[in-house]
Amino acid sequence: MQLTLRVTGPLPPVEVWERYALPARWPQWGPYLRDVELTAPRIVPGARGGCGDRSG
């Protein structure tokens, strides 16, 4: 699967990537997320994981 996303905002791309690359931080900026699990502390090739939301 390939996904392309383009957005604009007030933060520099490096800071935005750091927020995205560290799944443990996802619930800080995505309050709808309940938990995040990943086989590595950062998003890297080959890492696997999942997340749960607060809807159920």
N, C-alpha and C. Protein backbone atom coordinates (compact mmCIF):
# COMPACT_ATOMS: atom_id res chain seq x y z
N MET A 1 0.84 -1.17 0.00
CA MET A 1 0.00 0.00 0.00
C MET A 1 0.89 1.23 0.00
N GLN A 2 0.47 2.25 -0.69
CA GLN A 2 1.18 3.53 -0.70
C GLN A 2 0.18 4.63 -0.38
N LEU A 3 0.62 5.58 0.44
CA LEU A 3 -0.24 6.69 0.83
C LEU A 3 0.54 7.98 0.67
N THR A 4 -0.04 8.94 0.02
CA THR A 4 0.56 10.26 -0.11
C THR A 4 -0.37 11.26 0.55
N LEU A 5 0.20 12.10 1.40
CA LEU A 5 -0.57 13.09 2.12
C LEU A 5 0.15 14.42 2.05
N ARG A 6 -0.57 15.47 1.75
CA ARG A 6 0.01 16.81 1.72
C ARG A 6 -0.81 17.71 2.62
N VAL A 7 -0.13 18.40 3.51
CA VAL A 7 -0.80 19.33 4.42
C VAL A 7 0.09 20.54 4.63
N THR A 8 -0.50 21.60 5.14
CA THR A 8 0.27 22.77 5.53
C THR A 8 -0.09 23.11 6.97
N GLY A 9 0.82 23.76 7.65
CA GLY A 9 0.57 24.12 9.04
C GLY A 9 1.70 24.98 9.58
N PRO A 10 1.60 25.37 10.84
CA PRO A 10 2.56 26.30 11.42
C PRO A 10 3.89 25.66 11.86
N LEU A 11 3.97 24.34 11.95
CA LEU A 11 5.19 23.70 12.45
C LEU A 11 6.13 23.31 11.32
N PRO A 12 7.43 23.30 11.60
CA PRO A 12 8.38 22.86 10.58
C PRO A 12 8.23 21.35 10.32
N PRO A 13 8.48 20.89 9.10
CA PRO A 13 8.33 19.47 8.78
C PRO A 13 9.10 18.53 9.71
N VAL A 14 10.29 18.91 10.16
CA VAL A 14 11.07 18.04 11.04
C VAL A 14 10.32 17.78 12.35
N GLU A 15 9.73 18.80 12.91
CA GLU A 15 8.99 18.63 14.16
C GLU A 15 7.73 17.78 13.95
N VAL A 16 7.05 18.01 12.85
CA VAL A 16 5.86 17.22 12.55
C VAL A 16 6.24 15.75 12.37
N TRP A 17 7.32 15.47 11.65
CA TRP A 17 7.74 14.09 11.45
C TRP A 17 8.06 13.43 12.79
N GLU A 18 8.73 14.13 13.70
CA GLU A 18 9.06 13.56 15.00
C GLU A 18 7.79 13.18 15.77
N ARG A 19 6.76 13.97 15.67
CA ARG A 19 5.50 13.65 16.34
C ARG A 19 4.87 12.41 15.73
N TYR A 20 5.02 12.25 14.43
CA TYR A 20 4.44 11.10 13.74
C TYR A 20 5.30 9.85 13.92
N ALA A 21 6.62 10.00 13.91
CA ALA A 21 7.54 8.86 13.93
C ALA A 21 7.61 8.17 15.29
N LEU A 22 7.09 8.79 16.32
CA LEU A 22 7.11 8.22 17.67
C LEU A 22 5.69 7.85 18.08
N PRO A 23 5.26 6.63 17.78
CA PRO A 23 3.87 6.26 18.06
C PRO A 23 3.44 6.42 19.51
N ALA A 24 4.35 6.34 20.45
CA ALA A 24 3.97 6.53 21.85
C ALA A 24 3.42 7.93 22.09
N ARG A 25 3.75 8.89 21.21
CA ARG A 25 3.25 10.26 21.36
C ARG A 25 1.91 10.49 20.65
N TRP A 26 1.47 9.54 19.85
CA TRP A 26 0.24 9.75 19.08
C TRP A 26 -0.95 10.15 19.93
N PRO A 27 -1.20 9.52 21.08
CA PRO A 27 -2.37 9.95 21.89
C PRO A 27 -2.27 11.40 22.37
N GLN A 28 -1.08 11.99 22.39
CA GLN A 28 -0.95 13.40 22.78
C GLN A 28 -1.58 14.33 21.76
N TRP A 29 -1.46 14.00 20.47
CA TRP A 29 -2.03 14.88 19.44
C TRP A 29 -3.27 14.28 18.79
N GLY A 30 -3.58 13.03 19.13
CA GLY A 30 -4.78 12.39 18.62
C GLY A 30 -5.60 11.87 19.79
N PRO A 31 -6.38 12.72 20.44
CA PRO A 31 -7.10 12.32 21.65
C PRO A 31 -8.10 11.19 21.41
N TYR A 32 -8.42 10.89 20.17
CA TYR A 32 -9.32 9.79 19.85
C TYR A 32 -8.61 8.45 19.96
N LEU A 33 -7.27 8.44 20.05
CA LEU A 33 -6.51 7.21 20.19
C LEU A 33 -6.44 6.79 21.65
N ARG A 34 -6.67 5.53 21.90
CA ARG A 34 -6.62 4.99 23.25
C ARG A 34 -5.24 4.43 23.56
N ASP A 35 -4.68 3.66 22.61
CA ASP A 35 -3.37 3.09 22.81
C ASP A 35 -2.70 2.81 21.47
N VAL A 36 -1.39 2.70 21.49
CA VAL A 36 -0.60 2.44 20.29
C VAL A 36 0.46 1.40 20.65
N GLU A 37 0.59 0.39 19.81
CA GLU A 37 1.61 -0.63 20.01
C GLU A 37 2.45 -0.72 18.74
N LEU A 38 3.75 -0.84 18.89
CA LEU A 38 4.66 -0.97 17.76
C LEU A 38 5.83 -1.83 18.19
N THR A 39 6.40 -2.58 17.25
CA THR A 39 7.52 -3.46 17.57
C THR A 39 8.84 -2.71 17.71
N ALA A 40 8.84 -1.42 17.50
CA ALA A 40 10.02 -0.58 17.64
C ALA A 40 9.59 0.75 18.26
N PRO A 41 10.49 1.49 18.88
CA PRO A 41 10.09 2.76 19.47
C PRO A 41 9.80 3.85 18.44
N ARG A 42 10.28 3.66 17.21
CA ARG A 42 10.04 4.62 16.12
C ARG A 42 9.49 3.89 14.92
N ILE A 43 8.83 4.60 14.04
CA ILE A 43 8.41 4.01 12.78
C ILE A 43 9.67 3.80 11.93
N VAL A 44 9.91 2.55 11.60
CA VAL A 44 11.05 2.17 10.77
C VAL A 44 10.57 1.08 9.81
N PRO A 45 11.28 0.88 8.70
CA PRO A 45 10.88 -0.20 7.79
C PRO A 45 10.82 -1.54 8.53
N GLY A 46 9.76 -2.27 8.31
CA GLY A 46 9.59 -3.58 8.92
C GLY A 46 8.89 -3.57 10.26
N ALA A 47 8.73 -2.42 10.88
CA ALA A 47 8.02 -2.35 12.17
C ALA A 47 6.55 -2.68 11.94
N ARG A 48 5.96 -3.32 12.90
CA ARG A 48 4.55 -3.68 12.83
C ARG A 48 3.86 -3.21 14.10
N GLY A 49 2.58 -2.93 13.99
CA GLY A 49 1.87 -2.50 15.18
C GLY A 49 0.42 -2.23 14.90
N GLY A 50 -0.21 -1.57 15.84
CA GLY A 50 -1.61 -1.23 15.70
C GLY A 50 -1.99 -0.20 16.77
N CYS A 51 -3.21 0.28 16.65
CA CYS A 51 -3.70 1.24 17.63
C CYS A 51 -5.19 1.03 17.83
N GLY A 52 -5.65 1.45 19.00
CA GLY A 52 -7.06 1.36 19.32
C GLY A 52 -7.63 2.75 19.52
N ASP A 53 -8.89 2.91 19.18
CA ASP A 53 -9.51 4.22 19.36
C ASP A 53 -10.48 4.19 20.54
N ARG A 54 -10.96 5.33 20.90
CA ARG A 54 -11.83 5.45 22.08
C ARG A 54 -13.30 5.21 21.75
N SER A 55 -13.62 4.86 20.51
CA SER A 55 -15.02 4.68 20.15
C SER A 55 -15.62 3.39 20.68
N GLY A 56 -14.78 2.44 21.07
CA GLY A 56 -15.37 1.17 21.52
C GLY A 56 -14.63 0.63 22.62
